[in-house]
Amino acid sequence: MMLLLKLLVSRFISTALEFLAFCVRHWRIVLPVLMVGLTYWYVLSLQADRDDWQQKYTTLVAEQAKAAEKREQENLLKDQKAQLYINAVMANHQAVINQLRKEYEKLNGQKDAAVKSNADLRERLRLEVANRFDTRLPGFPGTAGKPAESGGDSHATVARSTYDTLDLACSITTADYNALWQSWNEACQVYGCKQFENNGEQPGAPM
């Protein structure tokens, strides 16, 4: 076995020396062939790297497209969820405003107080509250000899009317705020939100 191994090693060394001697004798032929071979090997290596990077790029583009499609679907679901909730909030808000409109018309008379729109109702209440507080409530009699009940009914009626008008205006403001807060809170839950920059506090809960 050792003899066979020695023969093989000897044969390999002899062949290598003969090949080296051949290359030295014919270096003008061997050198260009060797350069061409090395160049061809380098080109093949570059092509392999190119193919590898192209495959990585194609995979990356496909993953990004898949991720973008997933985000788009998630955003669409978020939009649908938020919109459904906001629609429900606005429908409830409209029902509350309609009820307050009926109360206003009932308070002021159906024909005289017919309201065209929500904006019309808000504007009327704003003007009425402003006018009532500008003119202020009529004063009560200050003379001790004057009967206490004199003018009492008219004063109470005016005071009651002023209170009812202010109560309606406050109810509309509260309904508007609650609808806005609920819509904001839902959007915050769905999309995420940041705290206010001025004091780091979120808006208050519905009234």
N, C-alpha and C. Protein backbone atom coordinates (compact mmCIF):
# COMPACT_ATOMS: atom_id res chain seq x y z
N MET A 1 0.83 -1.20 0.00
CA MET A 1 0.00 0.00 0.00
C MET A 1 0.87 1.26 0.00
N MET A 2 1.90 1.25 0.89
CA MET A 2 2.80 2.39 0.95
C MET A 2 3.58 2.53 -0.34
N LEU A 3 3.96 1.39 -0.92
CA LEU A 3 4.69 1.41 -2.19
C LEU A 3 3.86 2.02 -3.29
N LEU A 4 2.59 1.65 -3.33
CA LEU A 4 1.67 2.20 -4.34
C LEU A 4 1.51 3.70 -4.15
N LEU A 5 1.40 4.16 -2.91
CA LEU A 5 1.24 5.58 -2.62
C LEU A 5 2.48 6.36 -3.05
N LYS A 6 3.65 5.76 -2.78
CA LYS A 6 4.89 6.42 -3.18
C LYS A 6 4.98 6.54 -4.70
N LEU A 7 4.56 5.48 -5.39
CA LEU A 7 4.59 5.51 -6.86
C LEU A 7 3.67 6.61 -7.40
N LEU A 8 2.50 6.70 -6.80
CA LEU A 8 1.53 7.74 -7.24
C LEU A 8 2.09 9.13 -7.00
N VAL A 9 2.69 9.36 -5.83
CA VAL A 9 3.26 10.67 -5.53
C VAL A 9 4.40 10.98 -6.46
N SER A 10 5.23 10.01 -6.70
CA SER A 10 6.36 10.20 -7.61
C SER A 10 5.87 10.52 -9.01
N ARG A 11 4.84 9.77 -9.45
CA ARG A 11 4.28 10.01 -10.78
C ARG A 11 3.69 11.41 -10.88
N PHE A 12 3.02 11.87 -9.83
CA PHE A 12 2.40 13.20 -9.82
C PHE A 12 3.47 14.29 -9.90
N ILE A 13 4.53 14.11 -9.10
CA ILE A 13 5.60 15.10 -9.11
C ILE A 13 6.28 15.14 -10.48
N SER A 14 6.50 13.97 -11.06
CA SER A 14 7.15 13.90 -12.37
C SER A 14 6.30 14.58 -13.43
N THR A 15 4.98 14.33 -13.39
CA THR A 15 4.08 14.95 -14.36
C THR A 15 4.04 16.46 -14.17
N ALA A 16 4.03 16.90 -12.93
CA ALA A 16 4.00 18.33 -12.65
C ALA A 16 5.26 19.01 -13.16
N LEU A 17 6.39 18.37 -12.95
CA LEU A 17 7.65 18.94 -13.42
C LEU A 17 7.69 19.00 -14.94
N GLU A 18 7.18 17.95 -15.58
CA GLU A 18 7.14 17.95 -17.05
C GLU A 18 6.23 19.05 -17.56
N PHE A 19 5.08 19.24 -16.89
CA PHE A 19 4.14 20.29 -17.31
C PHE A 19 4.76 21.67 -17.10
N LEU A 20 5.48 21.83 -15.97
CA LEU A 20 6.14 23.10 -15.71
C LEU A 20 7.23 23.38 -16.74
N ALA A 21 7.94 22.35 -17.08
CA ALA A 21 9.00 22.52 -18.09
C ALA A 21 8.39 22.87 -19.44
N PHE A 22 7.24 22.24 -19.76
CA PHE A 22 6.55 22.55 -21.01
C PHE A 22 6.10 24.00 -21.03
N CYS A 23 5.55 24.47 -19.89
CA CYS A 23 5.08 25.86 -19.81
C CYS A 23 6.23 26.83 -19.96
N VAL A 24 7.39 26.48 -19.39
CA VAL A 24 8.55 27.36 -19.50
C VAL A 24 9.05 27.41 -20.92
N ARG A 25 9.09 26.24 -21.59
CA ARG A 25 9.56 26.21 -22.98
C ARG A 25 8.61 26.95 -23.91
N HIS A 26 7.31 26.84 -23.65
CA HIS A 26 6.32 27.45 -24.56
C HIS A 26 5.53 28.56 -23.83
N TRP A 27 6.23 29.39 -23.08
CA TRP A 27 5.54 30.41 -22.28
C TRP A 27 4.78 31.41 -23.15
N ARG A 28 5.26 31.66 -24.41
CA ARG A 28 4.57 32.61 -25.28
C ARG A 28 3.16 32.13 -25.64
N ILE A 29 2.98 30.82 -25.61
CA ILE A 29 1.65 30.25 -25.89
C ILE A 29 0.86 30.07 -24.59
N VAL A 30 1.56 29.56 -23.59
CA VAL A 30 0.89 29.24 -22.32
C VAL A 30 0.38 30.50 -21.63
N LEU A 31 1.18 31.59 -21.62
CA LEU A 31 0.81 32.81 -20.91
C LEU A 31 -0.48 33.42 -21.45
N PRO A 32 -0.63 33.60 -22.78
CA PRO A 32 -1.90 34.14 -23.28
C PRO A 32 -3.09 33.23 -22.96
N VAL A 33 -2.84 31.89 -23.10
CA VAL A 33 -3.94 30.96 -22.78
C VAL A 33 -4.33 31.09 -21.31
N LEU A 34 -3.29 31.20 -20.44
CA LEU A 34 -3.56 31.34 -19.01
C LEU A 34 -4.31 32.64 -18.72
N MET A 35 -3.95 33.74 -19.39
CA MET A 35 -4.63 35.02 -19.18
C MET A 35 -6.08 34.96 -19.65
N VAL A 36 -6.26 34.30 -20.81
CA VAL A 36 -7.64 34.15 -21.31
C VAL A 36 -8.46 33.32 -20.33
N GLY A 37 -7.86 32.26 -19.82
CA GLY A 37 -8.57 31.41 -18.87
C GLY A 37 -8.94 32.16 -17.60
N LEU A 38 -7.96 32.94 -17.07
CA LEU A 38 -8.25 33.72 -15.87
C LEU A 38 -9.32 34.78 -16.12
N THR A 39 -9.24 35.42 -17.31
CA THR A 39 -10.25 36.43 -17.66
C THR A 39 -11.64 35.81 -17.76
N TYR A 40 -11.68 34.64 -18.40
CA TYR A 40 -12.97 33.95 -18.55
C TYR A 40 -13.53 33.55 -17.18
N TRP A 41 -12.65 33.09 -16.31
CA TRP A 41 -13.09 32.72 -14.95
C TRP A 41 -13.60 33.95 -14.20
N TYR A 42 -12.93 35.10 -14.37
CA TYR A 42 -13.35 36.34 -13.71
C TYR A 42 -14.71 36.79 -14.23
N VAL A 43 -14.90 36.69 -15.54
CA VAL A 43 -16.19 37.06 -16.14
C VAL A 43 -17.30 36.17 -15.60
N LEU A 44 -17.03 34.88 -15.53
CA LEU A 44 -18.03 33.95 -14.99
C LEU A 44 -18.35 34.29 -13.53
N SER A 45 -17.31 34.69 -12.78
CA SER A 45 -17.53 35.06 -11.39
C SER A 45 -18.41 36.31 -11.29
N LEU A 46 -18.13 37.31 -12.15
CA LEU A 46 -18.95 38.52 -12.16
C LEU A 46 -20.40 38.21 -12.55
N GLN A 47 -20.56 37.35 -13.54
CA GLN A 47 -21.92 36.98 -13.96
C GLN A 47 -22.67 36.28 -12.83
N ALA A 48 -21.95 35.43 -12.10
CA ALA A 48 -22.59 34.74 -10.97
C ALA A 48 -23.02 35.74 -9.89
N ASP A 49 -22.14 36.72 -9.62
CA ASP A 49 -22.50 37.75 -8.64
C ASP A 49 -23.69 38.57 -9.13
N ARG A 50 -23.64 38.91 -10.44
CA ARG A 50 -24.75 39.68 -11.00
C ARG A 50 -26.07 38.92 -10.87
N ASP A 51 -26.05 37.65 -11.23
CA ASP A 51 -27.28 36.84 -11.14
C ASP A 51 -27.76 36.74 -9.70
N ASP A 52 -26.80 36.62 -8.78
CA ASP A 52 -27.17 36.52 -7.37
C ASP A 52 -27.83 37.81 -6.88
N TRP A 53 -27.25 38.96 -7.25
CA TRP A 53 -27.82 40.24 -6.83
C TRP A 53 -29.16 40.50 -7.53
N GLN A 54 -29.27 40.10 -8.78
CA GLN A 54 -30.55 40.25 -9.47
C GLN A 54 -31.64 39.43 -8.78
N GLN A 55 -31.28 38.23 -8.36
CA GLN A 55 -32.24 37.39 -7.65
C GLN A 55 -32.64 38.02 -6.31
N LYS A 56 -31.64 38.57 -5.60
CA LYS A 56 -31.93 39.23 -4.34
C LYS A 56 -32.81 40.46 -4.56
N TYR A 57 -32.51 41.21 -5.63
CA TYR A 57 -33.30 42.42 -5.93
C TYR A 57 -34.73 42.05 -6.29
N THR A 58 -34.88 41.01 -7.11
CA THR A 58 -36.22 40.56 -7.49
C THR A 58 -37.01 40.10 -6.27
N THR A 59 -36.33 39.37 -5.39
CA THR A 59 -36.99 38.91 -4.15
C THR A 59 -37.39 40.08 -3.28
N LEU A 60 -36.49 41.08 -3.16
CA LEU A 60 -36.77 42.26 -2.34
C LEU A 60 -37.95 43.04 -2.89
N VAL A 61 -37.97 43.24 -4.21
CA VAL A 61 -39.08 43.97 -4.84
C VAL A 61 -40.40 43.24 -4.62
N ALA A 62 -40.37 41.92 -4.76
CA ALA A 62 -41.58 41.13 -4.54
C ALA A 62 -42.05 41.23 -3.09
N GLU A 63 -41.10 41.19 -2.14
CA GLU A 63 -41.47 41.30 -0.73
C GLU A 63 -42.03 42.68 -0.41
N GLN A 64 -41.42 43.72 -0.99
CA GLN A 64 -41.91 45.07 -0.76
C GLN A 64 -43.30 45.26 -1.36
N ALA A 65 -43.52 44.70 -2.54
CA ALA A 65 -44.84 44.80 -3.17
C ALA A 65 -45.89 44.06 -2.33
N LYS A 66 -45.51 42.90 -1.81
CA LYS A 66 -46.43 42.14 -0.97
C LYS A 66 -46.72 42.89 0.32
N ALA A 67 -45.67 43.48 0.91
CA ALA A 67 -45.86 44.26 2.15
C ALA A 67 -46.73 45.49 1.89
N ALA A 68 -46.50 46.14 0.74
CA ALA A 68 -47.31 47.32 0.40
C ALA A 68 -48.77 46.94 0.19
N GLU A 69 -49.00 45.81 -0.46
CA GLU A 69 -50.38 45.34 -0.67
C GLU A 69 -51.04 45.01 0.67
N LYS A 70 -50.26 44.40 1.58
CA LYS A 70 -50.80 44.07 2.90
C LYS A 70 -51.15 45.34 3.67
N ARG A 71 -50.25 46.34 3.60
CA ARG A 71 -50.53 47.61 4.29
C ARG A 71 -51.74 48.29 3.69
N GLU A 72 -51.87 48.22 2.37
CA GLU A 72 -53.02 48.84 1.71
C GLU A 72 -54.32 48.18 2.15
N GLN A 73 -54.31 46.85 2.24
CA GLN A 73 -55.49 46.14 2.70
C GLN A 73 -55.81 46.48 4.15
N GLU A 74 -54.77 46.55 4.99
CA GLU A 74 -54.97 46.89 6.40
C GLU A 74 -55.52 48.31 6.52
N ASN A 75 -54.98 49.25 5.74
CA ASN A 75 -55.46 50.62 5.78
C ASN A 75 -56.90 50.72 5.29
N LEU A 76 -57.23 49.91 4.27
CA LEU A 76 -58.60 49.90 3.76
C LEU A 76 -59.56 49.41 4.84
N LEU A 77 -59.17 48.35 5.54
CA LEU A 77 -60.01 47.84 6.63
C LEU A 77 -60.15 48.87 7.74
N LYS A 78 -59.04 49.55 8.04
CA LYS A 78 -59.08 50.60 9.06
C LYS A 78 -60.03 51.72 8.63
N ASP A 79 -59.91 52.13 7.36
CA ASP A 79 -60.79 53.18 6.86
C ASP A 79 -62.25 52.77 6.95
N GLN A 80 -62.54 51.54 6.55
CA GLN A 80 -63.92 51.07 6.58
C GLN A 80 -64.44 51.01 8.02
N LYS A 81 -63.61 50.50 8.93
CA LYS A 81 -64.02 50.40 10.33
C LYS A 81 -64.26 51.79 10.91
N ALA A 82 -63.33 52.70 10.67
CA ALA A 82 -63.48 54.05 11.20
C ALA A 82 -64.69 54.74 10.60
N GLN A 83 -64.90 54.56 9.29
CA GLN A 83 -66.01 55.23 8.62
C GLN A 83 -67.34 54.71 9.12
N LEU A 84 -67.44 53.40 9.35
CA LEU A 84 -68.68 52.83 9.87
C LEU A 84 -68.99 53.40 11.25
N TYR A 85 -67.98 53.49 12.08
CA TYR A 85 -68.20 54.02 13.43
C TYR A 85 -68.58 55.50 13.36
N ILE A 86 -67.86 56.26 12.54
CA ILE A 86 -68.14 57.70 12.43
C ILE A 86 -69.54 57.93 11.86
N ASN A 87 -69.93 57.10 10.89
CA ASN A 87 -71.29 57.22 10.35
C ASN A 87 -72.34 56.99 11.43
N ALA A 88 -72.08 55.99 12.30
CA ALA A 88 -73.01 55.72 13.40
C ALA A 88 -73.04 56.89 14.37
N VAL A 89 -71.86 57.45 14.68
CA VAL A 89 -71.79 58.61 15.58
C VAL A 89 -72.55 59.79 14.99
N MET A 90 -72.34 60.05 13.70
CA MET A 90 -72.99 61.19 13.07
C MET A 90 -74.50 60.98 12.95
N ALA A 91 -74.92 59.74 12.72
CA ALA A 91 -76.36 59.46 12.66
C ALA A 91 -77.00 59.71 14.01
N ASN A 92 -76.33 59.27 15.09
CA ASN A 92 -76.85 59.52 16.43
C ASN A 92 -76.84 61.02 16.75
N HIS A 93 -75.77 61.69 16.33
CA HIS A 93 -75.68 63.13 16.54
C HIS A 93 -76.80 63.86 15.82
N GLN A 94 -77.10 63.43 14.58
CA GLN A 94 -78.17 64.07 13.82
C GLN A 94 -79.52 63.85 14.48
N ALA A 95 -79.71 62.65 15.04
CA ALA A 95 -80.97 62.37 15.74
C ALA A 95 -81.12 63.28 16.95
N VAL A 96 -80.02 63.49 17.69
CA VAL A 96 -80.07 64.39 18.85
C VAL A 96 -80.39 65.81 18.41
N ILE A 97 -79.74 66.29 17.35
CA ILE A 97 -79.99 67.64 16.85
C ILE A 97 -81.43 67.79 16.38
N ASN A 98 -81.94 66.76 15.70
CA ASN A 98 -83.34 66.83 15.24
C ASN A 98 -84.30 66.95 16.43
N GLN A 99 -84.02 66.22 17.50
CA GLN A 99 -84.86 66.30 18.69
C GLN A 99 -84.77 67.70 19.31
N LEU A 100 -83.58 68.25 19.36
CA LEU A 100 -83.41 69.60 19.90
C LEU A 100 -84.09 70.63 19.00
N ARG A 101 -84.08 70.40 17.70
CA ARG A 101 -84.77 71.31 16.78
C ARG A 101 -86.27 71.31 17.04
N LYS A 102 -86.81 70.11 17.29
CA LYS A 102 -88.24 70.02 17.61
C LYS A 102 -88.56 70.76 18.90
N GLU A 103 -87.67 70.62 19.89
CA GLU A 103 -87.89 71.31 21.16
C GLU A 103 -87.84 72.83 20.96
N TYR A 104 -86.93 73.27 20.10
CA TYR A 104 -86.83 74.70 19.83
C TYR A 104 -88.09 75.21 19.14
N GLU A 105 -88.55 74.47 18.14
CA GLU A 105 -89.76 74.88 17.42
C GLU A 105 -90.97 74.84 18.34
N LYS A 106 -91.02 73.85 19.21
CA LYS A 106 -92.12 73.77 20.18
C LYS A 106 -92.07 74.94 21.15
N LEU A 107 -90.87 75.32 21.56
CA LEU A 107 -90.70 76.41 22.50
C LEU A 107 -91.10 77.75 21.90
N ASN A 108 -90.84 77.92 20.60
CA ASN A 108 -91.06 79.22 19.96
C ASN A 108 -92.25 79.23 19.01
N GLY A 109 -92.93 78.10 18.85
CA GLY A 109 -94.05 78.06 17.93
C GLY A 109 -93.64 77.44 16.61
N GLN A 110 -94.39 76.44 16.17
CA GLN A 110 -93.99 75.66 14.99
C GLN A 110 -93.79 76.54 13.76
N LYS A 111 -94.74 77.44 13.49
CA LYS A 111 -94.68 78.23 12.25
C LYS A 111 -93.61 79.30 12.32
N ASP A 112 -93.59 80.02 13.43
CA ASP A 112 -92.63 81.13 13.55
C ASP A 112 -91.20 80.65 13.68
N ALA A 113 -91.02 79.45 14.24
CA ALA A 113 -89.67 78.97 14.53
C ALA A 113 -89.23 77.83 13.62
N ALA A 114 -89.85 77.68 12.46
CA ALA A 114 -89.46 76.62 11.55
C ALA A 114 -87.98 76.77 11.18
N VAL A 115 -87.21 75.72 11.39
CA VAL A 115 -85.76 75.77 11.18
C VAL A 115 -85.42 75.10 9.86
N LYS A 116 -84.61 75.75 9.04
CA LYS A 116 -84.28 75.22 7.73
C LYS A 116 -83.16 74.18 7.79
N SER A 117 -82.20 74.37 8.69
CA SER A 117 -81.04 73.47 8.74
C SER A 117 -80.42 73.51 10.13
N ASN A 118 -79.45 72.61 10.34
CA ASN A 118 -78.73 72.61 11.61
C ASN A 118 -77.98 73.92 11.81
N ALA A 119 -77.40 74.42 10.75
CA ALA A 119 -76.67 75.68 10.84
C ALA A 119 -77.62 76.82 11.19
N ASP A 120 -78.81 76.79 10.62
CA ASP A 120 -79.82 77.80 10.93
C ASP A 120 -80.20 77.75 12.41
N LEU A 121 -80.37 76.53 12.94
CA LEU A 121 -80.71 76.37 14.35
C LEU A 121 -79.60 76.92 15.24
N ARG A 122 -78.38 76.59 14.93
CA ARG A 122 -77.26 77.08 15.74
C ARG A 122 -77.17 78.60 15.70
N GLU A 123 -77.35 79.16 14.51
CA GLU A 123 -77.26 80.61 14.37
C GLU A 123 -78.38 81.31 15.13
N ARG A 124 -79.58 80.76 15.06
CA ARG A 124 -80.71 81.36 15.79
C ARG A 124 -80.45 81.35 17.30
N LEU A 125 -80.01 80.20 17.80
CA LEU A 125 -79.75 80.10 19.23
C LEU A 125 -78.61 81.03 19.65
N ARG A 126 -77.59 81.12 18.82
CA ARG A 126 -76.48 82.03 19.13
C ARG A 126 -76.95 83.46 19.24
N LEU A 127 -77.77 83.89 18.28
CA LEU A 127 -78.27 85.27 18.29
C LEU A 127 -79.22 85.51 19.46
N GLU A 128 -80.07 84.52 19.73
CA GLU A 128 -81.02 84.70 20.83
C GLU A 128 -80.31 84.77 22.17
N VAL A 129 -79.34 83.89 22.39
CA VAL A 129 -78.58 83.93 23.64
C VAL A 129 -77.83 85.24 23.76
N ALA A 130 -77.19 85.69 22.67
CA ALA A 130 -76.45 86.95 22.70
C ALA A 130 -77.39 88.12 23.00
N ASN A 131 -78.57 88.14 22.34
CA ASN A 131 -79.51 89.24 22.54
C ASN A 131 -80.06 89.25 23.96
N ARG A 132 -80.36 88.06 24.48
CA ARG A 132 -80.92 88.00 25.84
C ARG A 132 -79.90 88.46 26.88
N PHE A 133 -78.64 88.12 26.69
CA PHE A 133 -77.65 88.53 27.68
C PHE A 133 -77.20 89.97 27.46
N ASP A 134 -77.37 90.46 26.22
CA ASP A 134 -77.06 91.88 25.98
C ASP A 134 -78.10 92.76 26.65
N THR A 135 -79.38 92.40 26.51
CA THR A 135 -80.46 93.19 27.11
C THR A 135 -80.64 92.86 28.57
N ARG A 136 -80.14 91.67 29.00
CA ARG A 136 -80.23 91.16 30.36
C ARG A 136 -81.69 90.95 30.76
N LEU A 137 -81.85 90.20 31.82
CA LEU A 137 -83.20 89.93 32.30
C LEU A 137 -83.80 91.18 32.91
N PRO A 138 -85.11 91.38 32.73
CA PRO A 138 -85.73 92.56 33.34
C PRO A 138 -85.64 92.49 34.85
N GLY A 139 -85.41 93.66 35.48
CA GLY A 139 -85.25 93.70 36.92
C GLY A 139 -86.57 93.52 37.65
N PHE A 140 -86.50 92.98 38.84
CA PHE A 140 -87.70 92.81 39.66
C PHE A 140 -88.01 94.11 40.39
N PRO A 141 -89.25 94.33 40.75
CA PRO A 141 -89.62 95.58 41.43
C PRO A 141 -88.81 95.76 42.71
N GLY A 142 -88.36 96.98 42.94
CA GLY A 142 -87.55 97.23 44.11
C GLY A 142 -88.29 97.99 45.20
N THR A 143 -89.52 98.48 44.92
CA THR A 143 -90.26 99.24 45.92
C THR A 143 -90.94 98.31 46.89
N ALA A 144 -90.73 98.57 48.21
CA ALA A 144 -91.27 97.68 49.23
C ALA A 144 -92.78 97.70 49.26
N GLY A 145 -93.39 98.90 48.93
CA GLY A 145 -94.84 98.99 49.00
C GLY A 145 -95.56 98.34 47.84
N LYS A 146 -94.79 98.01 46.77
CA LYS A 146 -95.41 97.41 45.58
C LYS A 146 -95.64 95.94 45.81
N PRO A 147 -96.81 95.40 45.46
CA PRO A 147 -97.09 93.98 45.68
C PRO A 147 -96.00 93.11 45.05
N ALA A 148 -95.61 92.08 45.76
CA ALA A 148 -94.54 91.21 45.30
C ALA A 148 -94.91 90.48 44.04
N GLU A 149 -96.21 90.20 43.87
CA GLU A 149 -96.60 89.44 42.70
C GLU A 149 -96.74 90.28 41.45
N SER A 150 -96.67 91.60 41.57
CA SER A 150 -96.85 92.47 40.43
C SER A 150 -95.71 92.26 39.45
N GLY A 151 -96.06 91.87 38.25
CA GLY A 151 -95.06 91.61 37.21
C GLY A 151 -94.33 90.32 37.41
N GLY A 152 -94.65 89.57 38.44
CA GLY A 152 -93.93 88.34 38.71
C GLY A 152 -94.08 87.32 37.62
N ASP A 153 -95.28 87.17 37.08
CA ASP A 153 -95.50 86.19 36.04
C ASP A 153 -94.69 86.51 34.79
N SER A 154 -94.65 87.79 34.40
CA SER A 154 -93.91 88.17 33.20
C SER A 154 -92.42 87.94 33.39
N HIS A 155 -91.90 88.28 34.58
CA HIS A 155 -90.49 88.06 34.84
C HIS A 155 -90.15 86.57 34.80
N ALA A 156 -90.99 85.76 35.43
CA ALA A 156 -90.75 84.33 35.46
C ALA A 156 -90.81 83.73 34.05
N THR A 157 -91.75 84.25 33.25
CA THR A 157 -91.88 83.74 31.88
C THR A 157 -90.63 84.05 31.07
N VAL A 158 -90.14 85.31 31.19
CA VAL A 158 -88.94 85.71 30.44
C VAL A 158 -87.73 84.90 30.92
N ALA A 159 -87.62 84.76 32.27
CA ALA A 159 -86.49 84.01 32.81
C ALA A 159 -86.53 82.57 32.35
N ARG A 160 -87.72 82.00 32.35
CA ARG A 160 -87.85 80.60 31.91
C ARG A 160 -87.48 80.46 30.43
N SER A 161 -87.96 81.41 29.62
CA SER A 161 -87.65 81.37 28.19
C SER A 161 -86.15 81.49 27.95
N THR A 162 -85.52 82.39 28.71
CA THR A 162 -84.07 82.57 28.57
C THR A 162 -83.33 81.30 28.97
N TYR A 163 -83.77 80.70 30.08
CA TYR A 163 -83.14 79.47 30.54
C TYR A 163 -83.30 78.36 29.51
N ASP A 164 -84.52 78.21 28.95
CA ASP A 164 -84.76 77.15 27.96
C ASP A 164 -83.89 77.36 26.72
N THR A 165 -83.77 78.62 26.28
CA THR A 165 -82.94 78.91 25.11
C THR A 165 -81.48 78.57 25.38
N LEU A 166 -80.99 78.98 26.55
CA LEU A 166 -79.61 78.69 26.92
C LEU A 166 -79.39 77.19 27.07
N ASP A 167 -80.38 76.50 27.63
CA ASP A 167 -80.27 75.05 27.80
C ASP A 167 -80.19 74.35 26.45
N LEU A 168 -80.99 74.80 25.48
CA LEU A 168 -80.94 74.22 24.14
C LEU A 168 -79.58 74.47 23.49
N ALA A 169 -79.07 75.69 23.64
CA ALA A 169 -77.77 76.03 23.05
C ALA A 169 -76.67 75.17 23.67
N CYS A 170 -76.73 74.99 25.00
CA CYS A 170 -75.72 74.16 25.67
C CYS A 170 -75.85 72.70 25.25
N SER A 171 -77.08 72.24 25.05
CA SER A 171 -77.30 70.85 24.63
C SER A 171 -76.71 70.59 23.24
N ILE A 172 -76.88 71.57 22.35
CA ILE A 172 -76.32 71.42 20.99
C ILE A 172 -74.80 71.44 21.05
N THR A 173 -74.24 72.35 21.86
CA THR A 173 -72.79 72.41 22.00
C THR A 173 -72.24 71.09 22.56
N THR A 174 -72.96 70.54 23.54
CA THR A 174 -72.54 69.27 24.13
C THR A 174 -72.62 68.14 23.11
N ALA A 175 -73.72 68.11 22.34
CA ALA A 175 -73.89 67.06 21.31
C ALA A 175 -72.79 67.17 20.26
N ASP A 176 -72.47 68.40 19.84
CA ASP A 176 -71.40 68.60 18.85
C ASP A 176 -70.06 68.14 19.40
N TYR A 177 -69.78 68.49 20.66
CA TYR A 177 -68.50 68.10 21.26
C TYR A 177 -68.40 66.59 21.40
N ASN A 178 -69.48 65.97 21.87
CA ASN A 178 -69.45 64.52 22.05
C ASN A 178 -69.23 63.79 20.73
N ALA A 179 -69.91 64.25 19.67
CA ALA A 179 -69.74 63.63 18.35
C ALA A 179 -68.31 63.80 17.86
N LEU A 180 -67.76 65.00 18.07
CA LEU A 180 -66.38 65.26 17.64
C LEU A 180 -65.40 64.40 18.44
N TRP A 181 -65.60 64.32 19.76
CA TRP A 181 -64.70 63.53 20.60
C TRP A 181 -64.77 62.06 20.24
N GLN A 182 -65.97 61.52 20.04
CA GLN A 182 -66.12 60.11 19.70
C GLN A 182 -65.47 59.79 18.36
N SER A 183 -65.63 60.70 17.39
CA SER A 183 -65.00 60.50 16.07
C SER A 183 -63.48 60.54 16.21
N TRP A 184 -62.98 61.51 16.97
CA TRP A 184 -61.53 61.62 17.18
C TRP A 184 -61.01 60.40 17.90
N ASN A 185 -61.71 59.95 18.93
CA ASN A 185 -61.25 58.81 19.72
C ASN A 185 -61.20 57.54 18.87
N GLU A 186 -62.19 57.35 18.00
CA GLU A 186 -62.18 56.17 17.14
C GLU A 186 -61.02 56.24 16.16
N ALA A 187 -60.81 57.41 15.56
CA ALA A 187 -59.67 57.57 14.64
C ALA A 187 -58.36 57.33 15.38
N CYS A 188 -58.30 57.77 16.63
CA CYS A 188 -57.10 57.57 17.45
C CYS A 188 -56.88 56.08 17.70
N GLN A 189 -57.95 55.35 18.00
CA GLN A 189 -57.83 53.92 18.26
C GLN A 189 -57.42 53.15 17.00
N VAL A 190 -57.92 53.59 15.86
CA VAL A 190 -57.66 52.87 14.60
C VAL A 190 -56.29 53.22 14.03
N TYR A 191 -55.98 54.52 13.95
CA TYR A 191 -54.77 54.96 13.27
C TYR A 191 -53.62 55.28 14.23
N GLY A 192 -53.93 55.41 15.52
CA GLY A 192 -52.92 55.86 16.46
C GLY A 192 -52.95 57.37 16.56
N CYS A 193 -52.52 57.91 17.70
CA CYS A 193 -52.59 59.36 17.89
C CYS A 193 -51.46 59.82 18.78
N LYS A 194 -51.20 61.10 18.73
CA LYS A 194 -50.17 61.71 19.57
C LYS A 194 -50.84 62.63 20.57
N GLN A 195 -50.21 62.77 21.72
CA GLN A 195 -50.74 63.68 22.71
C GLN A 195 -50.53 65.12 22.27
N PHE A 196 -51.36 66.01 22.78
CA PHE A 196 -51.25 67.41 22.41
C PHE A 196 -49.89 67.97 22.82
N GLU A 197 -49.32 68.76 21.94
CA GLU A 197 -47.98 69.29 22.17
C GLU A 197 -47.97 70.36 23.26
N ASN A 198 -49.09 71.06 23.44
CA ASN A 198 -49.09 72.18 24.37
C ASN A 198 -49.00 71.74 25.83
N ASN A 199 -49.76 70.73 26.23
CA ASN A 199 -49.71 70.32 27.63
C ASN A 199 -49.62 68.82 27.82
N GLY A 200 -49.50 68.06 26.72
CA GLY A 200 -49.33 66.62 26.83
C GLY A 200 -50.57 65.90 27.29
N GLU A 201 -51.76 66.52 27.18
CA GLU A 201 -52.99 65.90 27.61
C GLU A 201 -53.91 65.67 26.43
N GLN A 202 -54.68 64.58 26.51
CA GLN A 202 -55.64 64.28 25.47
C GLN A 202 -56.94 65.04 25.76
N PRO A 203 -57.81 65.20 24.75
CA PRO A 203 -59.08 65.87 24.98
C PRO A 203 -59.89 65.14 26.04
N GLY A 204 -60.72 65.88 26.73
CA GLY A 204 -61.55 65.29 27.77
C GLY A 204 -62.57 64.33 27.20
N ALA A 205 -63.10 63.47 28.05
CA ALA A 205 -64.10 62.50 27.64
C ALA A 205 -65.41 63.21 27.34
N PRO A 206 -66.35 62.51 26.67
CA PRO A 206 -67.64 63.12 26.34
C PRO A 206 -68.35 63.59 27.60
N MET A 207 -69.15 64.65 27.42
CA MET A 207 -69.90 65.19 28.55
C MET A 207 -71.21 64.46 28.73
